[in-house]
Amino acid sequence: YLSLKEKVTEVALPLYAGAEDGINLIANQRHFSNIATNTKADTSYKLIQDITLNNHTSFEFNAVFDGDNKTIHLDNLTASIFSVNKGTVKNVKFDGNAVLTEYECGIIAGNNQGTIANCENRAAAEIGNSRGGGLVGYNQGGTLNGLRNYGEITLTKSTTGGICGYYKEKISFCRHYFWNSQ
């Protein structure tokens, strides 16, 4: 038992689940949210188990994120996971649901200037603004390669799409399998 006069020492929780060959390991939402504090181009992250994101705050991303074919379950996502992607996001799956209403919105990124590759979506998403897409809102000179969408995407504005809402270039080998336009 502690007396009222004893000091309680706070224990700092680790930012990530550990590291493997210089790659920060992500095992839960807290680890994932900590990515926002360090998105330098020379930093890498790897998902080591399925996680759930809820009450997520979008952030700009400049590093490398490898989902290792694990799933991020979206619990009523209301903003793109990454507001702007200037790094590399690859090998990640999504399920759950999202209601995205900001300009330039998509489950993975609102604006992509980097690379998004080999990702799969099975989440239902309602896209309620222009330049909104199931996975990416605006591909602004970035690369989208090998993306697959199986989730129901409900679109309510123009310049929206199942994979990407608006793009300038470099979309290849992407497939959209479900559509619901109001």
Protein backbone atom coordinates (compact mmCIF):
# COMPACT_ATOMS: atom_id res chain seq x y z
CA TYR A 1 0.00 0.00 0.00
CA LEU A 2 1.13 3.53 -0.72
CA SER A 3 0.87 6.22 1.90
CA LEU A 4 -0.40 9.62 0.82
CA LYS A 5 3.13 11.02 1.20
CA GLU A 6 4.77 8.55 -1.19
CA LYS A 7 5.48 9.68 -4.72
CA VAL A 8 4.00 7.67 -7.54
CA THR A 9 6.42 7.45 -10.43
CA GLU A 10 4.94 7.60 -13.91
CA VAL A 11 6.13 4.92 -16.25
CA ALA A 12 6.59 6.05 -19.82
CA LEU A 13 5.06 3.62 -22.30
CA PRO A 14 7.25 2.72 -25.27
CA LEU A 15 6.41 4.54 -28.50
CA TYR A 16 6.43 1.29 -30.49
CA ALA A 17 6.31 -2.48 -29.91
CA GLY A 18 10.06 -2.62 -30.48
CA ALA A 19 12.36 -2.54 -33.48
CA GLU A 20 13.60 -5.13 -35.92
CA ASP A 21 16.50 -4.29 -38.24
CA GLY A 22 15.87 -0.57 -37.64
CA ILE A 23 12.14 -0.85 -38.45
CA ASN A 24 9.72 0.38 -35.77
CA LEU A 25 7.08 -2.28 -35.03
CA ILE A 26 3.40 -1.33 -34.72
CA ALA A 27 1.10 -3.55 -32.60
CA ASN A 28 -1.80 -1.25 -31.60
CA GLN A 29 -3.48 2.11 -32.18
CA ARG A 30 -1.21 3.94 -29.72
CA HIS A 31 1.89 2.75 -31.60
CA PHE A 32 0.27 3.78 -34.90
CA SER A 33 -0.67 7.23 -33.58
CA ASN A 34 2.94 7.75 -32.43
CA ILE A 35 4.05 7.60 -36.08
CA ALA A 36 2.83 11.21 -36.34
CA THR A 37 5.73 12.27 -34.09
CA ASN A 38 8.40 10.87 -36.45
CA THR A 39 7.69 10.65 -40.16
CA LYS A 40 11.17 11.42 -41.46
CA ALA A 41 11.95 9.95 -44.86
CA ASP A 42 14.57 7.59 -43.44
CA THR A 43 12.16 6.04 -40.90
CA SER A 44 10.33 2.73 -41.45
CA TYR A 45 7.34 1.16 -39.72
CA LYS A 46 5.91 -2.36 -39.91
CA LEU A 47 2.53 -3.64 -38.72
CA ILE A 48 3.06 -6.87 -36.76
CA GLN A 49 -0.58 -7.71 -36.04
CA ASP A 50 -4.08 -6.56 -37.00
CA ILE A 51 -5.11 -3.34 -35.25
CA THR A 52 -8.22 -1.16 -34.87
CA LEU A 53 -8.25 2.60 -35.44
CA ASN A 54 -10.94 4.75 -33.83
CA ASN A 55 -10.92 8.47 -33.00
CA HIS A 56 -7.96 8.72 -35.37
CA THR A 57 -6.38 12.09 -36.18
CA SER A 58 -5.00 12.36 -39.72
CA PHE A 59 -1.35 13.40 -40.20
CA GLU A 60 1.19 14.00 -42.97
CA PHE A 61 3.40 10.98 -43.66
CA ASN A 62 6.90 10.99 -45.21
CA ALA A 63 8.32 7.62 -44.15
CA VAL A 64 7.81 3.94 -45.12
CA PHE A 65 4.87 1.96 -43.74
CA ASP A 66 4.72 -1.78 -44.48
CA GLY A 67 1.44 -3.39 -43.41
CA ASP A 68 2.97 -6.86 -43.85
CA ASN A 69 -0.44 -7.99 -45.21
CA LYS A 70 -2.07 -7.31 -41.83
CA THR A 71 -5.46 -5.58 -41.46
CA ILE A 72 -6.31 -2.18 -40.02
CA HIS A 73 -9.92 -2.29 -38.85
CA LEU A 74 -11.55 1.13 -39.22
CA ASP A 75 -14.04 1.91 -36.47
CA ASN A 76 -16.05 4.82 -37.89
CA LEU A 77 -13.02 6.56 -39.44
CA THR A 78 -13.86 10.23 -40.06
CA ALA A 79 -10.62 11.46 -41.68
CA SER A 80 -8.06 9.96 -44.04
CA ILE A 81 -5.43 7.92 -42.22
CA PHE A 82 -2.74 10.15 -43.75
CA SER A 83 -3.75 13.70 -44.72
CA VAL A 84 -0.83 13.79 -47.17
CA ASN A 85 1.36 10.83 -48.11
CA LYS A 86 4.83 11.74 -49.37
CA GLY A 87 6.35 8.41 -48.36
CA THR A 88 5.54 4.78 -49.15
CA VAL A 89 2.52 2.85 -47.88
CA LYS A 90 2.41 -0.81 -48.92
CA ASN A 91 1.00 -4.28 -48.18
CA VAL A 92 -1.85 -3.23 -45.87
CA LYS A 93 -5.51 -4.30 -45.76
CA PHE A 94 -8.48 -2.33 -44.44
CA ASP A 95 -11.95 -3.32 -43.24
CA GLY A 96 -14.68 -1.70 -41.14
CA ASN A 97 -16.32 1.60 -42.06
CA ALA A 98 -15.57 5.25 -42.74
CA VAL A 99 -17.52 8.46 -43.35
CA LEU A 100 -15.13 10.92 -44.97
CA THR A 101 -16.31 14.46 -45.67
CA GLU A 102 -13.19 16.61 -45.99
CA TYR A 103 -12.00 17.91 -49.36
CA GLU A 104 -9.43 15.45 -50.80
CA CYS A 105 -10.23 12.38 -48.71
CA GLY A 106 -9.67 8.65 -49.02
CA ILE A 107 -9.19 5.85 -46.54
CA ILE A 108 -5.39 5.76 -46.95
CA ALA A 109 -4.59 9.33 -48.00
CA GLY A 110 -6.38 12.56 -48.78
CA ASN A 111 -3.50 13.64 -51.00
CA ASN A 112 -0.85 11.26 -52.36
CA GLN A 113 2.50 12.55 -53.55
CA GLY A 114 4.39 9.36 -52.70
CA THR A 115 3.78 5.67 -53.42
CA ILE A 116 0.86 3.50 -52.33
CA ALA A 117 1.19 -0.11 -53.46
CA ASN A 118 -0.38 -3.53 -52.97
CA CYS A 119 -3.14 -2.39 -50.59
CA GLU A 120 -6.63 -3.88 -50.28
CA ASN A 121 -9.81 -2.29 -48.96
CA ARG A 122 -12.91 -4.12 -47.74
CA ALA A 123 -14.23 -1.22 -45.62
CA ALA A 124 -17.49 0.49 -46.47
CA ALA A 125 -16.91 4.20 -47.03
CA GLU A 126 -19.18 7.15 -47.63
CA ILE A 127 -17.34 9.90 -49.49
CA GLY A 128 -19.13 13.22 -49.12
CA ASN A 129 -16.90 15.80 -50.79
CA SER A 130 -15.07 16.49 -54.04
CA ARG A 131 -11.74 14.82 -54.79
CA GLY A 132 -12.73 11.90 -52.62
CA GLY A 133 -11.89 8.29 -53.39
CA GLY A 134 -12.23 4.94 -51.69
CA LEU A 135 -8.48 4.74 -51.07
CA VAL A 136 -7.02 8.10 -52.18
CA GLY A 137 -8.63 11.49 -52.64
CA TYR A 138 -6.14 13.20 -54.97
CA ASN A 139 -3.14 11.48 -56.53
CA GLN A 140 -0.98 14.56 -57.04
CA GLY A 141 1.98 13.17 -58.94
CA GLY A 142 2.29 10.10 -56.72
CA THR A 143 2.13 6.45 -57.72
CA LEU A 144 -0.80 4.09 -57.10
CA ASN A 145 0.01 0.49 -57.99
CA GLY A 146 -1.79 -2.79 -57.29
CA LEU A 147 -4.64 -1.35 -55.22
CA ARG A 148 -7.84 -3.38 -54.83
CA ASN A 149 -11.18 -2.20 -53.52
CA TYR A 150 -13.93 -4.64 -52.51
CA GLY A 151 -15.66 -2.29 -50.06
CA GLU A 152 -18.90 -0.49 -50.80
CA ILE A 153 -18.01 3.08 -51.66
CA THR A 154 -20.92 5.54 -51.59
CA LEU A 155 -20.12 8.73 -53.50
CA THR A 156 -22.18 11.91 -53.23
CA LYS A 157 -20.11 14.54 -55.12
CA SER A 158 -18.41 14.94 -58.49
CA THR A 159 -14.71 14.13 -59.00
CA THR A 160 -14.96 11.07 -56.79
CA GLY A 161 -13.99 7.49 -57.51
CA GLY A 162 -13.72 4.02 -56.05
CA ILE A 163 -9.90 3.90 -55.98
CA CYS A 164 -9.00 7.57 -56.45
CA GLY A 165 -11.19 10.67 -56.69
CA TYR A 166 -8.93 12.88 -58.80
CA TYR A 167 -5.54 12.13 -60.32
CA LYS A 168 -2.79 13.55 -62.48
CA GLU A 169 -0.78 10.41 -63.24
CA LYS A 170 0.63 6.99 -62.36
CA ILE A 171 -2.26 4.69 -61.53
CA SER A 172 -1.55 1.12 -62.60
CA PHE A 173 -2.92 -2.38 -61.98
CA CYS A 174 -5.69 -1.14 -59.67
CA ARG A 175 -9.11 -2.81 -59.46
CA HIS A 176 -12.43 -1.58 -58.09
CA TYR A 177 -15.06 -4.29 -57.55
CA PHE A 178 -18.00 -2.54 -55.86
CA TRP A 179 -19.84 0.70 -56.63
CA ASN A 180 -22.75 2.64 -55.14
CA SER A 181 -23.30 6.16 -56.49
CA GLN A 182 -26.24 8.12 -55.07
